[in-house]
């Protein structure tokens, strides 16, 4: 799941990780129990890189200001872009180490 901050106060250069099997149907921007100030929408196609024997696939999403919070912003167009990347194949050299949930919970307290 995405951090709520992307809907309320997006930041340039923010990097975060979302667990999922694909960037197709698994990757989206669901309804939440918060008032979103920014609405995110995926573009309609993924891109494989490199083209020959791809290592990753990515998709771009755009955020627009919600009219309710930014009156007159309907014609502004996208104000943020997101690039979501997923590995095409498992490769030990490209994998992140597993998260130690015990350490993560203790660090956040």
PDB file of N, CA and C in Angstrom:
ATOM      1  N   UNK A   1       0.839  -1.181   0.000  1.00  0.00           N
ATOM      2  CA  UNK A   1       0.000   0.000   0.000  1.00  0.00           C
ATOM      3  C   UNK A   1       0.888   1.250   0.000  1.00  0.00           C
ATOM      4  N   UNK A   2       0.418   2.266  -0.673  1.00  0.00           N
ATOM      5  CA  UNK A   2       1.154   3.526  -0.749  1.00  0.00           C
ATOM      6  C   UNK A   2       1.067   4.281   0.574  1.00  0.00           C
ATOM      7  N   UNK A   3       2.081   5.086   0.880  1.00  0.00           N
ATOM      8  CA  UNK A   3       1.965   5.926   2.074  1.00  0.00           C
ATOM      9  C   UNK A   3       0.887   6.991   1.858  1.00  0.00           C
ATOM     10  N   UNK A   4       0.124   7.304   2.896  1.00  0.00           N
ATOM     11  CA  UNK A   4      -0.958   8.286   2.762  1.00  0.00           C
ATOM     12  C   UNK A   4      -0.445   9.653   2.345  1.00  0.00           C
ATOM     13  N   UNK A   5       0.813   9.948   2.632  1.00  0.00           N
ATOM     14  CA  UNK A   5       1.356  11.275   2.321  1.00  0.00           C
ATOM     15  C   UNK A   5       1.312  11.598   0.826  1.00  0.00           C
ATOM     16  N   UNK A   6       1.311  10.582  -0.049  1.00  0.00           N
ATOM     17  CA  UNK A   6       1.267  10.893  -1.487  1.00  0.00           C
ATOM     18  C   UNK A   6      -0.068  11.493  -1.893  1.00  0.00           C
ATOM     19  N   UNK A   7      -1.112  11.279  -1.081  1.00  0.00           N
ATOM     20  CA  UNK A   7      -2.435  11.823  -1.374  1.00  0.00           C
ATOM     21  C   UNK A   7      -2.663  13.181  -0.710  1.00  0.00           C
ATOM     22  N   UNK A   8      -1.876  13.492   0.300  1.00  0.00           N
ATOM     23  CA  UNK A   8      -2.090  14.707   1.079  1.00  0.00           C
ATOM     24  C   UNK A   8      -1.034  15.770   0.788  1.00  0.00           C
ATOM     25  N   UNK A   9       0.233  15.361   0.817  1.00  0.00           N
ATOM     26  CA  UNK A   9       1.336  16.302   0.616  1.00  0.00           C
ATOM     27  C   UNK A   9       2.491  15.583  -0.083  1.00  0.00           C
ATOM     28  N   UNK A  10       2.361  15.313  -1.392  1.00  0.00           N
ATOM     29  CA  UNK A  10       3.428  14.600  -2.112  1.00  0.00           C
ATOM     30  C   UNK A  10       4.747  15.374  -2.060  1.00  0.00           C
ATOM     31  N   UNK A  11       5.845  14.641  -2.078  1.00  0.00           N
ATOM     32  CA  UNK A  11       7.179  15.249  -2.029  1.00  0.00           C
ATOM     33  C   UNK A  11       7.962  14.861  -3.274  1.00  0.00           C
ATOM     34  N   UNK A  12       8.670  15.813  -3.861  1.00  0.00           N
ATOM     35  CA  UNK A  12       9.558  15.514  -4.984  1.00  0.00           C
ATOM     36  C   UNK A  12      10.664  14.577  -4.517  1.00  0.00           C
ATOM     37  N   UNK A  13      10.967  13.562  -5.311  1.00  0.00           N
ATOM     38  CA  UNK A  13      12.077  12.665  -5.026  1.00  0.00           C
ATOM     39  C   UNK A  13      11.798  11.620  -3.967  1.00  0.00           C
ATOM     40  N   UNK A  14      10.555  11.476  -3.536  1.00  0.00           N
ATOM     41  CA  UNK A  14      10.215  10.475  -2.517  1.00  0.00           C
ATOM     42  C   UNK A  14      10.442   9.074  -3.070  1.00  0.00           C
ATOM     43  N   UNK A  15      11.082   8.232  -2.289  1.00  0.00           N
ATOM     44  CA  UNK A  15      11.326   6.848  -2.671  1.00  0.00           C
ATOM     45  C   UNK A  15      10.713   5.955  -1.598  1.00  0.00           C
ATOM     46  N   UNK A  16       9.867   5.015  -2.015  1.00  0.00           N
ATOM     47  CA  UNK A  16       9.290   4.061  -1.073  1.00  0.00           C
ATOM     48  C   UNK A  16       9.044   2.753  -1.793  1.00  0.00           C
ATOM     49  N   UNK A  17       8.837   1.692  -1.013  1.00  0.00           N
ATOM     50  CA  UNK A  17       8.668   0.355  -1.562  1.00  0.00           C
ATOM     51  C   UNK A  17       7.264  -0.152  -1.277  1.00  0.00           C
ATOM     52  N   UNK A  18       6.677  -0.790  -2.290  1.00  0.00           N
ATOM     53  CA  UNK A  18       5.360  -1.399  -2.184  1.00  0.00           C
ATOM     54  C   UNK A  18       5.519  -2.854  -2.607  1.00  0.00           C
ATOM     55  N   UNK A  19       4.967  -3.766  -1.813  1.00  0.00           N
ATOM     56  CA  UNK A  19       5.071  -5.169  -2.158  1.00  0.00           C
ATOM     57  C   UNK A  19       3.955  -5.550  -3.119  1.00  0.00           C
ATOM     58  N   UNK A  20       4.306  -6.266  -4.187  1.00  0.00           N
ATOM     59  CA  UNK A  20       3.319  -6.703  -5.157  1.00  0.00           C
ATOM     60  C   UNK A  20       3.954  -7.595  -6.202  1.00  0.00           C
ATOM     61  N   UNK A  21       3.140  -8.336  -6.914  1.00  0.00           N
ATOM     62  CA  UNK A  21       3.640  -9.268  -7.913  1.00  0.00           C
ATOM     63  C   UNK A  21       3.758  -8.626  -9.299  1.00  0.00           C
ATOM     64  N   UNK A  22       2.946  -7.603  -9.561  1.00  0.00           N
ATOM     65  CA  UNK A  22       2.977  -6.945 -10.868  1.00  0.00           C
ATOM     66  C   UNK A  22       2.736  -5.448 -10.691  1.00  0.00           C
ATOM     67  N   UNK A  23       2.976  -4.705 -11.745  1.00  0.00           N
ATOM     68  CA  UNK A  23       2.595  -3.291 -11.729  1.00  0.00           C
ATOM     69  C   UNK A  23       1.369  -3.088 -12.618  1.00  0.00           C
ATOM     70  N   UNK A  24       0.719  -4.182 -12.921  1.00  0.00           N
ATOM     71  CA  UNK A  24      -0.536  -4.130 -13.656  1.00  0.00           C
ATOM     72  C   UNK A  24      -1.687  -4.015 -12.676  1.00  0.00           C
ATOM     73  N   UNK A  25      -2.386  -5.116 -12.490  1.00  0.00           N
ATOM     74  CA  UNK A  25      -3.581  -5.092 -11.637  1.00  0.00           C
ATOM     75  C   UNK A  25      -3.250  -4.966 -10.148  1.00  0.00           C
ATOM     76  N   UNK A  26      -2.078  -5.419  -9.712  1.00  0.00           N
ATOM     77  CA  UNK A  26      -1.705  -5.322  -8.291  1.00  0.00           C
ATOM     78  C   UNK A  26      -1.364  -3.908  -7.856  1.00  0.00           C
ATOM     79  N   UNK A  27      -1.010  -3.069  -8.790  1.00  0.00           N
ATOM     80  CA  UNK A  27      -0.533  -1.729  -8.462  1.00  0.00           C
ATOM     81  C   UNK A  27      -1.615  -0.713  -8.806  1.00  0.00           C
ATOM     82  N   UNK A  28      -2.147  -0.063  -7.797  1.00  0.00           N
ATOM     83  CA  UNK A  28      -3.190   0.924  -8.050  1.00  0.00           C
ATOM     84  C   UNK A  28      -3.296   1.904  -6.900  1.00  0.00           C
ATOM     85  N   UNK A  29      -4.302   2.727  -6.971  1.00  0.00           N
ATOM     86  CA  UNK A  29      -4.520   3.772  -5.979  1.00  0.00           C
ATOM     87  C   UNK A  29      -5.945   3.618  -5.447  1.00  0.00           C
ATOM     88  N   UNK A  30      -6.112   2.759  -4.432  1.00  0.00           N
ATOM     89  CA  UNK A  30      -7.453   2.429  -3.938  1.00  0.00           C
ATOM     90  C   UNK A  30      -8.105   3.568  -3.169  1.00  0.00           C
ATOM     91  N   UNK A  31      -9.404   3.427  -2.975  1.00  0.00           N
ATOM     92  CA  UNK A  31     -10.120   4.363  -2.107  1.00  0.00           C
ATOM     93  C   UNK A  31      -9.642   4.152  -0.687  1.00  0.00           C
ATOM     94  N   UNK A  32      -9.476   5.238   0.026  1.00  0.00           N
ATOM     95  CA  UNK A  32      -9.026   5.178   1.416  1.00  0.00           C
ATOM     96  C   UNK A  32     -10.002   5.948   2.286  1.00  0.00           C
ATOM     97  N   UNK A  33      -9.863   5.799   3.561  1.00  0.00           N
ATOM     98  CA  UNK A  33     -10.722   6.526   4.486  1.00  0.00           C
ATOM     99  C   UNK A  33     -10.208   7.913   4.812  1.00  0.00           C
ATOM    100  N   UNK A  34      -9.505   8.532   3.854  1.00  0.00           N
ATOM    101  CA  UNK A  34      -8.981   9.887   4.059  1.00  0.00           C
ATOM    102  C   UNK A  34      -9.470  10.775   2.917  1.00  0.00           C
ATOM    103  N   UNK A  35      -9.394  12.076   3.136  1.00  0.00           N
ATOM    104  CA  UNK A  35      -9.724  13.020   2.065  1.00  0.00           C
ATOM    105  C   UNK A  35      -8.450  13.295   1.264  1.00  0.00           C
ATOM    106  N   UNK A  36      -8.436  12.804   0.046  1.00  0.00           N
ATOM    107  CA  UNK A  36      -7.251  12.961  -0.803  1.00  0.00           C
ATOM    108  C   UNK A  36      -7.213  14.372  -1.388  1.00  0.00           C
ATOM    109  N   UNK A  37      -6.072  15.031  -1.216  1.00  0.00           N
ATOM    110  CA  UNK A  37      -5.866  16.352  -1.815  1.00  0.00           C
ATOM    111  C   UNK A  37      -5.326  16.213  -3.239  1.00  0.00           C
ATOM    112  N   UNK A  38      -4.697  15.056  -3.518  1.00  0.00           N
ATOM    113  CA  UNK A  38      -4.151  14.764  -4.840  1.00  0.00           C
ATOM    114  C   UNK A  38      -4.681  13.420  -5.299  1.00  0.00           C
ATOM    115  N   UNK A  39      -5.084  13.337  -6.555  1.00  0.00           N
ATOM    116  CA  UNK A  39      -5.620  12.108  -7.129  1.00  0.00           C
ATOM    117  C   UNK A  39      -4.579  11.533  -8.091  1.00  0.00           C
ATOM    118  N   UNK A  40      -4.187  10.286  -7.850  1.00  0.00           N
ATOM    119  CA  UNK A  40      -3.192   9.609  -8.687  1.00  0.00           C
ATOM    120  C   UNK A  40      -3.888   8.682  -9.677  1.00  0.00           C
ATOM    121  N   UNK A  41      -3.325   8.611 -10.889  1.00  0.00           N
ATOM    122  CA  UNK A  41      -3.870   7.736 -11.926  1.00  0.00           C
ATOM    123  C   UNK A  41      -2.716   7.159 -12.742  1.00  0.00           C
ATOM    124  N   UNK A  42      -2.760   5.830 -12.939  1.00  0.00           N
ATOM    125  CA  UNK A  42      -1.732   5.178 -13.755  1.00  0.00           C
ATOM    126  C   UNK A  42      -1.934   5.533 -15.223  1.00  0.00           C
ATOM    127  N   UNK A  43      -0.816   5.615 -15.940  1.00  0.00           N
ATOM    128  CA  UNK A  43      -0.904   5.708 -17.387  1.00  0.00           C
ATOM    129  C   UNK A  43      -1.243   4.293 -17.862  1.00  0.00           C
ATOM    130  N   UNK A  44      -1.545   4.104 -19.111  1.00  0.00           N
ATOM    131  CA  UNK A  44      -2.140   2.844 -19.533  1.00  0.00           C
ATOM    132  C   UNK A  44      -1.191   1.803 -20.111  1.00  0.00           C
ATOM    133  N   UNK A  45       0.118   1.941 -19.936  1.00  0.00           N
ATOM    134  CA  UNK A  45       1.004   0.903 -20.459  1.00  0.00           C
ATOM    135  C   UNK A  45       2.283   0.826 -19.633  1.00  0.00           C
ATOM    136  N   UNK A  46       2.910  -0.350 -19.649  1.00  0.00           N
ATOM    137  CA  UNK A  46       4.186  -0.538 -18.966  1.00  0.00           C
ATOM    138  C   UNK A  46       5.302  -0.529 -20.005  1.00  0.00           C
ATOM    139  N   UNK A  47       6.508  -0.278 -19.543  1.00  0.00           N
ATOM    140  CA  UNK A  47       7.682  -0.259 -20.415  1.00  0.00           C
ATOM    141  C   UNK A  47       8.724  -1.202 -19.834  1.00  0.00           C
ATOM    142  N   UNK A  48       9.294  -2.071 -20.661  1.00  0.00           N
ATOM    143  CA  UNK A  48      10.351  -2.982 -20.236  1.00  0.00           C
ATOM    144  C   UNK A  48      11.714  -2.384 -20.559  1.00  0.00           C
ATOM    145  N   UNK A  49      12.661  -2.527 -19.619  1.00  0.00           N
ATOM    146  CA  UNK A  49      14.025  -2.035 -19.815  1.00  0.00           C
ATOM    147  C   UNK A  49      15.028  -3.084 -19.366  1.00  0.00           C
ATOM    148  N   UNK A  50      16.119  -3.285 -20.088  1.00  0.00           N
ATOM    149  CA  UNK A  50      16.261  -2.842 -21.477  1.00  0.00           C
ATOM    150  C   UNK A  50      15.273  -3.594 -22.367  1.00  0.00           C
ATOM    151  N   UNK A  51      15.120  -3.119 -23.570  1.00  0.00           N
ATOM    152  CA  UNK A  51      14.128  -3.721 -24.473  1.00  0.00           C
ATOM    153  C   UNK A  51      14.431  -5.192 -24.742  1.00  0.00           C
ATOM    154  N   UNK A  52      15.730  -5.487 -24.915  1.00  0.00           N
ATOM    155  CA  UNK A  52      16.140  -6.868 -25.168  1.00  0.00           C
ATOM    156  C   UNK A  52      16.472  -7.523 -23.826  1.00  0.00           C
ATOM    157  N   UNK A  53      15.825  -8.615 -23.505  1.00  0.00           N
ATOM    158  CA  UNK A  53      16.016  -9.341 -22.248  1.00  0.00           C
ATOM    159  C   UNK A  53      15.850  -8.397 -21.042  1.00  0.00           C
ATOM    160  N   UNK A  54      14.651  -7.873 -20.834  1.00  0.00           N
ATOM    161  CA  UNK A  54      14.429  -6.859 -19.802  1.00  0.00           C
ATOM    162  C   UNK A  54      14.679  -7.344 -18.373  1.00  0.00           C
ATOM    163  N   UNK A  55      15.227  -6.440 -17.566  1.00  0.00           N
ATOM    164  CA  UNK A  55      15.450  -6.683 -16.140  1.00  0.00           C
ATOM    165  C   UNK A  55      14.309  -6.117 -15.307  1.00  0.00           C
ATOM    166  N   UNK A  56      13.754  -4.990 -15.771  1.00  0.00           N
ATOM    167  CA  UNK A  56      12.680  -4.327 -15.034  1.00  0.00           C
ATOM    168  C   UNK A  56      11.557  -3.920 -15.970  1.00  0.00           C
ATOM    169  N   UNK A  57      10.420  -3.649 -15.377  1.00  0.00           N
ATOM    170  CA  UNK A  57       9.278  -3.087 -16.089  1.00  0.00           C
ATOM    171  C   UNK A  57       8.807  -1.904 -15.256  1.00  0.00           C
ATOM    172  N   UNK A  58       8.423  -0.818 -15.918  1.00  0.00           N
ATOM    173  CA  UNK A  58       7.952   0.331 -15.149  1.00  0.00           C
ATOM    174  C   UNK A  58       6.700   0.927 -15.765  1.00  0.00           C
ATOM    175  N   UNK A  59       5.986   1.665 -14.934  1.00  0.00           N
ATOM    176  CA  UNK A  59       4.785   2.363 -15.358  1.00  0.00           C
ATOM    177  C   UNK A  59       4.835   3.753 -14.733  1.00  0.00           C
ATOM    178  N   UNK A  60       4.203   4.692 -15.373  1.00  0.00           N
ATOM    179  CA  UNK A  60       4.169   6.074 -14.876  1.00  0.00           C
ATOM    180  C   UNK A  60       2.753   6.387 -14.397  1.00  0.00           C
ATOM    181  N   UNK A  61       2.674   7.112 -13.300  1.00  0.00           N
ATOM    182  CA  UNK A  61       1.390   7.593 -12.782  1.00  0.00           C
ATOM    183  C   UNK A  61       1.506   9.109 -12.624  1.00  0.00           C
ATOM    184  N   UNK A  62       0.385   9.786 -12.751  1.00  0.00           N
ATOM    185  CA  UNK A  62       0.344  11.245 -12.612  1.00  0.00           C
ATOM    186  C   UNK A  62      -0.615  11.629 -11.501  1.00  0.00           C
ATOM    187  N   UNK A  63      -0.304  12.728 -10.831  1.00  0.00           N
ATOM    188  CA  UNK A  63      -1.188  13.249  -9.780  1.00  0.00           C
ATOM    189  C   UNK A  63      -1.714  14.612 -10.206  1.00  0.00           C
ATOM    190  N   UNK A  64      -2.996  14.811  -9.996  1.00  0.00           N
ATOM    191  CA  UNK A  64      -3.618  16.116 -10.223  1.00  0.00           C
ATOM    192  C   UNK A  64      -4.204  16.602  -8.899  1.00  0.00           C
ATOM    193  N   UNK A  65      -4.324  17.907  -8.781  1.00  0.00           N
ATOM    194  CA  UNK A  65      -4.923  18.497  -7.582  1.00  0.00           C
ATOM    195  C   UNK A  65      -6.426  18.234  -7.592  1.00  0.00           C
ATOM    196  N   UNK A  66      -6.992  17.925  -6.429  1.00  0.00           N
ATOM    197  CA  UNK A  66      -8.433  17.735  -6.306  1.00  0.00           C
ATOM    198  C   UNK A  66      -9.103  19.103  -6.232  1.00  0.00           C
ATOM    199  N   UNK A  67     -10.095  19.285  -7.056  1.00  0.00           N
ATOM    200  CA  UNK A  67     -10.815  20.565  -7.158  1.00  0.00           C
ATOM    201  C   UNK A  67     -11.374  21.027  -5.803  1.00  0.00           C
ATOM    202  N   UNK A  68     -11.785  20.094  -4.977  1.00  0.00           N
ATOM    203  CA  UNK A  68     -12.371  20.439  -3.679  1.00  0.00           C
ATOM    204  C   UNK A  68     -11.377  21.209  -2.801  1.00  0.00           C
ATOM    205  N   UNK A  69     -10.109  20.842  -2.887  1.00  0.00           N
ATOM    206  CA  UNK A  69      -9.076  21.480  -2.059  1.00  0.00           C
ATOM    207  C   UNK A  69      -8.354  22.611  -2.787  1.00  0.00           C
ATOM    208  N   UNK A  70      -8.369  22.571  -4.117  1.00  0.00           N
ATOM    209  CA  UNK A  70      -7.680  23.575  -4.928  1.00  0.00           C
ATOM    210  C   UNK A  70      -8.657  24.118  -5.973  1.00  0.00           C
ATOM    211  N   UNK A  71      -9.579  24.989  -5.561  1.00  0.00           N
ATOM    212  CA  UNK A  71     -10.572  25.519  -6.505  1.00  0.00           C
ATOM    213  C   UNK A  71      -9.902  26.149  -7.737  1.00  0.00           C
ATOM    214  N   UNK A  72     -10.467  25.837  -8.893  1.00  0.00           N
ATOM    215  CA  UNK A  72      -9.937  26.378 -10.149  1.00  0.00           C
ATOM    216  C   UNK A  72      -8.779  25.583 -10.723  1.00  0.00           C
ATOM    217  N   UNK A  73      -8.475  24.432 -10.143  1.00  0.00           N
ATOM    218  CA  UNK A  73      -7.312  23.663 -10.600  1.00  0.00           C
ATOM    219  C   UNK A  73      -7.651  22.619 -11.675  1.00  0.00           C
ATOM    220  N   UNK A  74      -8.893  22.560 -12.125  1.00  0.00           N
ATOM    221  CA  UNK A  74      -9.298  21.540 -13.104  1.00  0.00           C
ATOM    222  C   UNK A  74      -8.467  21.549 -14.376  1.00  0.00           C
ATOM    223  N   UNK A  75      -8.001  22.705 -14.805  1.00  0.00           N
ATOM    224  CA  UNK A  75      -7.251  22.798 -16.057  1.00  0.00           C
ATOM    225  C   UNK A  75      -5.741  22.840 -15.860  1.00  0.00           C
ATOM    226  N   UNK A  76      -5.277  22.621 -14.621  1.00  0.00           N
ATOM    227  CA  UNK A  76      -3.840  22.713 -14.332  1.00  0.00           C
ATOM    228  C   UNK A  76      -3.032  21.561 -14.900  1.00  0.00           C
ATOM    229  N   UNK A  77      -3.622  20.395 -15.043  1.00  0.00           N
ATOM    230  CA  UNK A  77      -2.875  19.224 -15.500  1.00  0.00           C
ATOM    231  C   UNK A  77      -2.094  18.600 -14.356  1.00  0.00           C
ATOM    232  N   UNK A  78      -1.293  17.566 -14.676  1.00  0.00           N
ATOM    233  CA  UNK A  78      -0.545  16.854 -13.633  1.00  0.00           C
ATOM    234  C   UNK A  78       0.474  17.758 -12.940  1.00  0.00           C
ATOM    235  N   UNK A  79       0.586  17.585 -11.627  1.00  0.00           N
ATOM    236  CA  UNK A  79       1.562  18.361 -10.859  1.00  0.00           C
ATOM    237  C   UNK A  79       2.684  17.476 -10.316  1.00  0.00           C
ATOM    238  N   UNK A  80       2.468  16.162 -10.307  1.00  0.00           N
ATOM    239  CA  UNK A  80       3.490  15.197  -9.885  1.00  0.00           C
ATOM    240  C   UNK A  80       3.449  14.006 -10.811  1.00  0.00           C
ATOM    241  N   UNK A  81       4.600  13.341 -10.946  1.00  0.00           N
ATOM    242  CA  UNK A  81       4.693  12.089 -11.698  1.00  0.00           C
ATOM    243  C   UNK A  81       5.379  11.059 -10.807  1.00  0.00           C
ATOM    244  N   UNK A  82       4.940   9.814 -10.940  1.00  0.00           N
ATOM    245  CA  UNK A  82       5.516   8.706 -10.192  1.00  0.00           C
ATOM    246  C   UNK A  82       5.970   7.659 -11.197  1.00  0.00           C
ATOM    247  N   UNK A  83       7.144   7.086 -10.961  1.00  0.00           N
ATOM    248  CA  UNK A  83       7.640   5.991 -11.779  1.00  0.00           C
ATOM    249  C   UNK A  83       7.713   4.756 -10.887  1.00  0.00           C
ATOM    250  N   UNK A  84       6.885   3.760 -11.167  1.00  0.00           N
ATOM    251  CA  UNK A  84       6.861   2.522 -10.388  1.00  0.00           C
ATOM    252  C   UNK A  84       7.613   1.455 -11.168  1.00  0.00           C
ATOM    253  N   UNK A  85       8.546   0.794 -10.498  1.00  0.00           N
ATOM    254  CA  UNK A  85       9.423  -0.183 -11.157  1.00  0.00           C
ATOM    255  C   UNK A  85       9.308  -1.527 -10.450  1.00  0.00           C
ATOM    256  N   UNK A  86       9.296  -2.603 -11.245  1.00  0.00           N
ATOM    257  CA  UNK A  86       9.280  -3.956 -10.696  1.00  0.00           C
ATOM    258  C   UNK A  86      10.307  -4.789 -11.457  1.00  0.00           C
ATOM    259  N   UNK A  87      10.957  -5.703 -10.730  1.00  0.00           N
ATOM    260  CA  UNK A  87      11.906  -6.609 -11.373  1.00  0.00           C
ATOM    261  C   UNK A  87      11.146  -7.589 -12.260  1.00  0.00           C
ATOM    262  N   UNK A  88      11.667  -7.856 -13.444  1.00  0.00           N
ATOM    263  CA  UNK A  88      11.027  -8.809 -14.359  1.00  0.00           C
ATOM    264  C   UNK A  88      11.353 -10.253 -13.981  1.00  0.00           C
ATOM    265  N   UNK A  89      12.550 -10.472 -13.421  1.00  0.00           N
ATOM    266  CA  UNK A  89      12.956 -11.811 -13.019  1.00  0.00           C
ATOM    267  C   UNK A  89      13.700 -11.725 -11.692  1.00  0.00           C
ATOM    268  N   UNK A  90      13.702 -12.822 -11.011  1.00  0.00           N
ATOM    269  CA  UNK A  90      14.439 -12.853  -9.740  1.00  0.00           C
ATOM    270  C   UNK A  90      15.935 -12.936 -10.043  1.00  0.00           C
ATOM    271  N   UNK A  91      16.660 -12.045  -9.423  1.00  0.00           N
ATOM    272  CA  UNK A  91      18.112 -12.009  -9.600  1.00  0.00           C
ATOM    273  C   UNK A  91      18.708 -11.611  -8.255  1.00  0.00           C
ATOM    274  N   UNK A  92      19.542 -12.465  -7.684  1.00  0.00           N
ATOM    275  CA  UNK A  92      20.099 -12.210  -6.352  1.00  0.00           C
ATOM    276  C   UNK A  92      20.824 -10.868  -6.287  1.00  0.00           C
ATOM    277  N   UNK A  93      21.485 -10.474  -7.357  1.00  0.00           N
ATOM    278  CA  UNK A  93      22.241  -9.220  -7.357  1.00  0.00           C
ATOM    279  C   UNK A  93      21.321  -7.999  -7.277  1.00  0.00           C
ATOM    280  N   UNK A  94      20.053  -8.151  -7.691  1.00  0.00           N
ATOM    281  CA  UNK A  94      19.128  -7.022  -7.703  1.00  0.00           C
ATOM    282  C   UNK A  94      18.154  -7.035  -6.525  1.00  0.00           C
ATOM    283  N   UNK A  95      18.162  -8.074  -5.702  1.00  0.00           N
ATOM    284  CA  UNK A  95      17.211  -8.201  -4.598  1.00  0.00           C
ATOM    285  C   UNK A  95      17.651  -7.385  -3.388  1.00  0.00           C
ATOM    286  N   UNK A  96      16.683  -6.792  -2.715  1.00  0.00           N
ATOM    287  CA  UNK A  96      16.942  -6.121  -1.447  1.00  0.00           C
ATOM    288  C   UNK A  96      16.947  -7.175  -0.344  1.00  0.00           C
ATOM    289  N   UNK A  97      17.701  -6.942   0.724  1.00  0.00           N
ATOM    290  CA  UNK A  97      17.664  -7.909   1.822  1.00  0.00           C
ATOM    291  C   UNK A  97      16.287  -7.910   2.472  1.00  0.00           C
ATOM    292  N   UNK A  98      15.876  -9.035   3.052  1.00  0.00           N
ATOM    293  CA  UNK A  98      14.549  -9.082   3.698  1.00  0.00           C
ATOM    294  C   UNK A  98      14.496  -8.144   4.894  1.00  0.00           C
ATOM    295  N   UNK A  99      13.311  -7.640   5.160  1.00  0.00           N
ATOM    296  CA  UNK A  99      13.100  -6.740   6.291  1.00  0.00           C
ATOM    297  C   UNK A  99      12.929  -7.580   7.546  1.00  0.00           C
ATOM    298  N   UNK A 100      13.668  -7.241   8.583  1.00  0.00           N
ATOM    299  CA  UNK A 100      13.524  -7.920   9.875  1.00  0.00           C
ATOM    300  C   UNK A 100      12.389  -7.222  10.613  1.00  0.00           C
ATOM    301  N   UNK A 101      11.223  -7.862  10.654  1.00  0.00           N
ATOM    302  CA  UNK A 101      10.044  -7.224  11.241  1.00  0.00           C
ATOM    303  C   UNK A 101      10.219  -6.922  12.726  1.00  0.00           C
ATOM    304  N   UNK A 102      10.990  -7.742  13.435  1.00  0.00           N
ATOM    305  CA  UNK A 102      11.233  -7.468  14.860  1.00  0.00           C
ATOM    306  C   UNK A 102      12.013  -6.181  15.033  1.00  0.00           C
ATOM    307  N   UNK A 103      13.042  -5.999  14.227  1.00  0.00           N
ATOM    308  CA  UNK A 103      13.854  -4.790  14.305  1.00  0.00           C
ATOM    309  C   UNK A 103      13.047  -3.580  13.858  1.00  0.00           C
ATOM    310  N   UNK A 104      12.268  -3.715  12.770  1.00  0.00           N
ATOM    311  CA  UNK A 104      11.485  -2.597  12.251  1.00  0.00           C
ATOM    312  C   UNK A 104      10.478  -2.105  13.278  1.00  0.00           C
ATOM    313  N   UNK A 105       9.804  -3.016  13.965  1.00  0.00           N
ATOM    314  CA  UNK A 105       8.808  -2.617  14.959  1.00  0.00           C
ATOM    315  C   UNK A 105       9.478  -1.918  16.142  1.00  0.00           C
ATOM    316  N   UNK A 106      10.631  -2.422  16.563  1.00  0.00           N
ATOM    317  CA  UNK A 106      11.327  -1.807  17.687  1.00  0.00           C
ATOM    318  C   UNK A 106      11.880  -0.434  17.334  1.00  0.00           C
ATOM    319  N   UNK A 107      12.352  -0.278  16.092  1.00  0.00           N
ATOM    320  CA  UNK A 107      12.914   1.002  15.655  1.00  0.00           C
ATOM    321  C   UNK A 107      11.857   2.087  15.590  1.00  0.00           C
ATOM    322  N   UNK A 108      10.611   1.730  15.277  1.00  0.00           N
ATOM    323  CA  UNK A 108       9.568   2.739  15.110  1.00  0.00           C
ATOM    324  C   UNK A 108       8.939   3.152  16.436  1.00  0.00           C
ATOM    325  N   UNK A 109       9.272   2.467  17.528  1.00  0.00           N
ATOM    326  CA  UNK A 109       8.682   2.820  18.820  1.00  0.00           C
ATOM    327  C   UNK A 109       9.526   3.798  19.568  1.00  0.00           C
TER     328      UNK A 109
END
